Amino acid sequence: MWHRGRVDKERDPAKVEDLEKEFRENNKTTKTEVDKMKEAIFEEMYEDLKKNNPKNLYNLAKSRKRRALDIDKRMFIKGGEGNIICSDSELEEMA
């Protein structure tokens, strides 16, 4: 049986092999389906960019850049006295 990403090898080896094979096949088919869906979405997006104003392309690039910057940005919450609140207990007290 599957447990925390590992296979219990103490059980029937033939059954374990079947489970591993089934897992690999399912994983492969899932990946191909996801790739097909992504490809269709990107084709639609690029067709839309070609038909519409090229300004949309610049907006797309700007939004991607902003999303990348948001990962590094840290947000802080200040209390009533101006001090920075770091712990969950302090946040619960404010609520």
N, C-alpha and C. Protein backbone atom coordinates (compact mmCIF):
# COMPACT_ATOMS: atom_id res chain seq x y z
N MET A 1 0.84 -1.19 0.00
CA MET A 1 0.00 0.00 0.00
C MET A 1 0.88 1.24 0.00
N TRP A 2 0.31 2.35 -0.43
CA TRP A 2 1.04 3.61 -0.47
C TRP A 2 0.96 4.27 0.89
N HIS A 3 2.09 4.76 1.38
CA HIS A 3 2.11 5.43 2.67
C HIS A 3 3.19 6.50 2.65
N ARG A 4 2.77 7.75 2.76
CA ARG A 4 3.69 8.88 2.80
C ARG A 4 4.70 8.86 1.66
N GLY A 5 4.23 8.56 0.48
CA GLY A 5 5.10 8.61 -0.69
C GLY A 5 5.96 7.38 -0.88
N ARG A 6 5.86 6.41 0.01
CA ARG A 6 6.65 5.19 -0.13
C ARG A 6 5.72 3.99 -0.23
N VAL A 7 6.26 2.91 -0.77
CA VAL A 7 5.48 1.69 -0.91
C VAL A 7 5.89 0.74 0.21
N ASP A 8 4.90 0.10 0.80
CA ASP A 8 5.18 -0.88 1.84
C ASP A 8 5.63 -2.16 1.16
N LYS A 9 6.92 -2.45 1.20
CA LYS A 9 7.50 -3.58 0.48
C LYS A 9 7.25 -4.91 1.18
N GLU A 10 6.76 -4.89 2.42
CA GLU A 10 6.53 -6.12 3.15
C GLU A 10 5.30 -6.86 2.63
N ARG A 11 4.46 -6.18 1.89
CA ARG A 11 3.25 -6.81 1.36
C ARG A 11 3.58 -7.59 0.10
N ASP A 12 2.58 -8.09 -0.55
CA ASP A 12 2.74 -8.90 -1.75
C ASP A 12 3.51 -8.13 -2.82
N PRO A 13 4.71 -8.58 -3.21
CA PRO A 13 5.52 -7.85 -4.19
C PRO A 13 4.83 -7.68 -5.55
N ALA A 14 4.07 -8.67 -5.96
CA ALA A 14 3.37 -8.56 -7.25
C ALA A 14 2.34 -7.44 -7.22
N LYS A 15 1.63 -7.34 -6.10
CA LYS A 15 0.63 -6.30 -5.95
C LYS A 15 1.28 -4.92 -5.90
N VAL A 16 2.44 -4.85 -5.22
CA VAL A 16 3.17 -3.59 -5.14
C VAL A 16 3.62 -3.15 -6.52
N GLU A 17 4.12 -4.09 -7.30
CA GLU A 17 4.55 -3.76 -8.66
C GLU A 17 3.38 -3.26 -9.50
N ASP A 18 2.23 -3.92 -9.35
CA ASP A 18 1.04 -3.49 -10.09
C ASP A 18 0.62 -2.07 -9.70
N LEU A 19 0.68 -1.79 -8.39
CA LEU A 19 0.32 -0.45 -7.92
C LEU A 19 1.29 0.60 -8.44
N GLU A 20 2.58 0.26 -8.42
CA GLU A 20 3.58 1.20 -8.93
C GLU A 20 3.38 1.47 -10.42
N LYS A 21 3.11 0.41 -11.17
CA LYS A 21 2.90 0.55 -12.61
C LYS A 21 1.66 1.39 -12.88
N GLU A 22 0.58 1.12 -12.15
CA GLU A 22 -0.65 1.89 -12.32
C GLU A 22 -0.43 3.36 -11.96
N PHE A 23 0.33 3.59 -10.90
CA PHE A 23 0.63 4.97 -10.49
C PHE A 23 1.40 5.70 -11.58
N ARG A 24 2.43 5.06 -12.14
CA ARG A 24 3.22 5.70 -13.20
C ARG A 24 2.38 6.00 -14.43
N GLU A 25 1.51 5.06 -14.81
CA GLU A 25 0.65 5.26 -15.97
C GLU A 25 -0.33 6.42 -15.73
N ASN A 26 -0.94 6.43 -14.56
CA ASN A 26 -1.88 7.51 -14.23
C ASN A 26 -1.17 8.86 -14.20
N ASN A 27 0.03 8.86 -13.65
CA ASN A 27 0.81 10.10 -13.57
C ASN A 27 1.13 10.61 -14.98
N LYS A 28 1.50 9.71 -15.85
CA LYS A 28 1.86 10.07 -17.22
C LYS A 28 0.65 10.63 -17.98
N THR A 29 -0.50 9.95 -17.87
CA THR A 29 -1.69 10.42 -18.58
C THR A 29 -2.16 11.77 -18.03
N THR A 30 -2.05 11.94 -16.72
CA THR A 30 -2.44 13.22 -16.12
C THR A 30 -1.56 14.34 -16.63
N LYS A 31 -0.27 14.10 -16.70
CA LYS A 31 0.65 15.13 -17.19
C LYS A 31 0.35 15.50 -18.64
N THR A 32 0.05 14.50 -19.47
CA THR A 32 -0.24 14.81 -20.87
C THR A 32 -1.54 15.60 -21.00
N GLU A 33 -2.55 15.27 -20.21
CA GLU A 33 -3.82 16.01 -20.24
C GLU A 33 -3.61 17.45 -19.79
N VAL A 34 -2.83 17.65 -18.74
CA VAL A 34 -2.56 19.01 -18.26
C VAL A 34 -1.80 19.80 -19.32
N ASP A 35 -0.83 19.16 -19.97
CA ASP A 35 -0.08 19.84 -21.03
C ASP A 35 -0.99 20.26 -22.19
N LYS A 36 -1.93 19.38 -22.56
CA LYS A 36 -2.87 19.71 -23.64
C LYS A 36 -3.74 20.90 -23.26
N MET A 37 -4.21 20.92 -22.02
CA MET A 37 -5.06 22.03 -21.58
C MET A 37 -4.27 23.33 -21.54
N LYS A 38 -3.05 23.28 -21.04
CA LYS A 38 -2.21 24.48 -21.00
C LYS A 38 -1.95 25.00 -22.42
N GLU A 39 -1.66 24.09 -23.33
CA GLU A 39 -1.38 24.49 -24.71
C GLU A 39 -2.59 25.17 -25.33
N ALA A 40 -3.78 24.63 -25.09
CA ALA A 40 -5.00 25.23 -25.63
C ALA A 40 -5.24 26.62 -25.04
N ILE A 41 -5.00 26.77 -23.76
CA ILE A 41 -5.21 28.07 -23.11
C ILE A 41 -4.22 29.10 -23.66
N PHE A 42 -2.94 28.70 -23.80
CA PHE A 42 -1.95 29.63 -24.31
C PHE A 42 -2.22 30.00 -25.76
N GLU A 43 -2.67 29.03 -26.58
CA GLU A 43 -3.01 29.35 -27.97
C GLU A 43 -4.13 30.38 -28.03
N GLU A 44 -5.14 30.19 -27.20
CA GLU A 44 -6.25 31.13 -27.16
C GLU A 44 -5.78 32.52 -26.71
N MET A 45 -4.90 32.56 -25.73
CA MET A 45 -4.39 33.83 -25.23
C MET A 45 -3.58 34.55 -26.32
N TYR A 46 -2.72 33.81 -27.03
CA TYR A 46 -1.90 34.44 -28.06
C TYR A 46 -2.74 34.89 -29.26
N GLU A 47 -3.76 34.13 -29.61
CA GLU A 47 -4.67 34.57 -30.67
C GLU A 47 -5.37 35.86 -30.28
N ASP A 48 -5.78 35.93 -29.04
CA ASP A 48 -6.44 37.14 -28.54
C ASP A 48 -5.48 38.33 -28.57
N LEU A 49 -4.22 38.07 -28.23
CA LEU A 49 -3.24 39.16 -28.26
C LEU A 49 -2.98 39.63 -29.69
N LYS A 50 -3.00 38.71 -30.66
CA LYS A 50 -2.79 39.10 -32.05
C LYS A 50 -3.95 39.92 -32.59
N LYS A 51 -5.17 39.51 -32.23
CA LYS A 51 -6.36 40.20 -32.75
C LYS A 51 -6.54 41.57 -32.10
N ASN A 52 -6.36 41.62 -30.82
CA ASN A 52 -6.59 42.87 -30.09
C ASN A 52 -5.36 43.76 -30.11
N ASN A 53 -5.48 44.81 -29.40
CA ASN A 53 -4.41 45.80 -29.32
C ASN A 53 -3.15 45.18 -28.71
N PRO A 54 -1.98 45.45 -29.29
CA PRO A 54 -0.74 44.92 -28.71
C PRO A 54 -0.45 45.49 -27.32
N LYS A 55 -1.20 46.51 -26.94
CA LYS A 55 -1.01 47.07 -25.60
C LYS A 55 -1.29 46.01 -24.53
N ASN A 56 -2.17 45.05 -24.85
CA ASN A 56 -2.46 43.98 -23.91
C ASN A 56 -1.23 43.15 -23.58
N LEU A 57 -0.33 43.04 -24.55
CA LEU A 57 0.91 42.30 -24.33
C LEU A 57 1.75 42.97 -23.25
N TYR A 58 1.82 44.30 -23.30
CA TYR A 58 2.58 45.03 -22.28
C TYR A 58 1.91 44.92 -20.91
N ASN A 59 0.58 44.94 -20.90
CA ASN A 59 -0.13 44.77 -19.63
C ASN A 59 0.13 43.38 -19.04
N LEU A 60 0.20 42.37 -19.89
CA LEU A 60 0.48 41.02 -19.45
C LEU A 60 1.88 40.94 -18.84
N ALA A 61 2.85 41.55 -19.50
CA ALA A 61 4.22 41.55 -18.98
C ALA A 61 4.30 42.28 -17.65
N LYS A 62 3.58 43.41 -17.53
CA LYS A 62 3.58 44.16 -16.27
C LYS A 62 2.99 43.33 -15.13
N SER A 63 1.89 42.65 -15.42
CA SER A 63 1.24 41.87 -14.36
C SER A 63 2.13 40.70 -13.92
N ARG A 64 2.82 40.08 -14.88
CA ARG A 64 3.75 38.99 -14.51
C ARG A 64 4.88 39.52 -13.63
N LYS A 65 5.38 40.69 -13.97
CA LYS A 65 6.46 41.27 -13.17
C LYS A 65 5.97 41.59 -11.77
N ARG A 66 4.76 42.14 -11.66
CA ARG A 66 4.21 42.46 -10.33
C ARG A 66 4.03 41.21 -9.49
N ARG A 67 3.54 40.14 -10.12
CA ARG A 67 3.37 38.88 -9.37
C ARG A 67 4.70 38.36 -8.87
N ALA A 68 5.74 38.49 -9.68
CA ALA A 68 7.07 38.04 -9.26
C ALA A 68 7.58 38.88 -8.10
N LEU A 69 7.29 40.17 -8.10
CA LEU A 69 7.74 41.04 -7.03
C LEU A 69 6.98 40.79 -5.73
N ASP A 70 5.71 40.38 -5.83
CA ASP A 70 4.91 40.14 -4.64
C ASP A 70 5.45 39.00 -3.81
N ILE A 71 6.17 38.09 -4.42
CA ILE A 71 6.73 36.96 -3.67
C ILE A 71 7.74 37.46 -2.65
N ASP A 72 8.54 38.45 -3.04
CA ASP A 72 9.57 38.96 -2.14
C ASP A 72 9.04 39.99 -1.15
N LYS A 73 7.89 40.56 -1.44
CA LYS A 73 7.36 41.62 -0.59
C LYS A 73 6.84 41.04 0.72
N ARG A 74 7.16 41.69 1.81
CA ARG A 74 6.69 41.26 3.12
C ARG A 74 5.74 42.31 3.66
N MET A 75 4.70 41.83 4.26
CA MET A 75 3.71 42.74 4.82
C MET A 75 3.72 42.64 6.33
N PHE A 76 3.58 43.79 6.97
CA PHE A 76 3.55 43.83 8.42
C PHE A 76 2.27 44.52 8.86
N ILE A 77 1.84 44.17 10.05
CA ILE A 77 0.66 44.81 10.64
C ILE A 77 1.14 45.57 11.86
N LYS A 78 0.73 46.83 11.91
CA LYS A 78 1.11 47.65 13.05
C LYS A 78 -0.05 47.74 14.02
N GLY A 79 0.28 47.70 15.28
CA GLY A 79 -0.73 47.85 16.33
C GLY A 79 -1.10 49.31 16.52
N GLY A 80 -1.97 49.57 17.48
CA GLY A 80 -2.43 50.92 17.75
C GLY A 80 -1.33 51.86 18.20
N GLU A 81 -0.30 51.32 18.84
CA GLU A 81 0.81 52.15 19.33
C GLU A 81 1.93 52.30 18.30
N GLY A 82 1.76 51.70 17.12
CA GLY A 82 2.76 51.83 16.08
C GLY A 82 3.79 50.72 16.06
N ASN A 83 3.69 49.76 16.99
CA ASN A 83 4.64 48.66 17.00
C ASN A 83 4.20 47.54 16.05
N ILE A 84 5.15 46.81 15.54
CA ILE A 84 4.86 45.77 14.56
C ILE A 84 4.43 44.50 15.30
N ILE A 85 3.33 43.91 14.82
CA ILE A 85 2.79 42.70 15.43
C ILE A 85 3.33 41.50 14.66
N CYS A 86 3.96 40.59 15.37
CA CYS A 86 4.59 39.44 14.72
C CYS A 86 3.92 38.11 15.05
N SER A 87 3.39 37.95 16.24
CA SER A 87 2.87 36.65 16.63
C SER A 87 1.36 36.55 16.40
N ASP A 88 0.90 35.31 16.28
CA ASP A 88 -0.52 35.07 16.06
C ASP A 88 -1.34 35.47 17.27
N SER A 89 -0.79 35.29 18.45
CA SER A 89 -1.55 35.62 19.66
C SER A 89 -1.84 37.12 19.73
N GLU A 90 -0.89 37.92 19.31
CA GLU A 90 -1.10 39.38 19.30
C GLU A 90 -2.17 39.76 18.27
N LEU A 91 -2.19 39.05 17.14
CA LEU A 91 -3.23 39.32 16.14
C LEU A 91 -4.60 38.94 16.66
N GLU A 92 -4.70 37.83 17.39
CA GLU A 92 -5.97 37.41 17.94
C GLU A 92 -6.48 38.41 18.98
N GLU A 93 -5.55 38.99 19.73
CA GLU A 93 -5.94 40.00 20.73
C GLU A 93 -6.53 41.23 20.06
N MET A 94 -6.00 41.59 18.88
CA MET A 94 -6.51 42.75 18.17
C MET A 94 -7.93 42.52 17.66
N ALA A 95 -8.23 41.29 17.25
CA ALA A 95 -9.54 40.98 16.67
C ALA A 95 -10.56 40.94 17.74
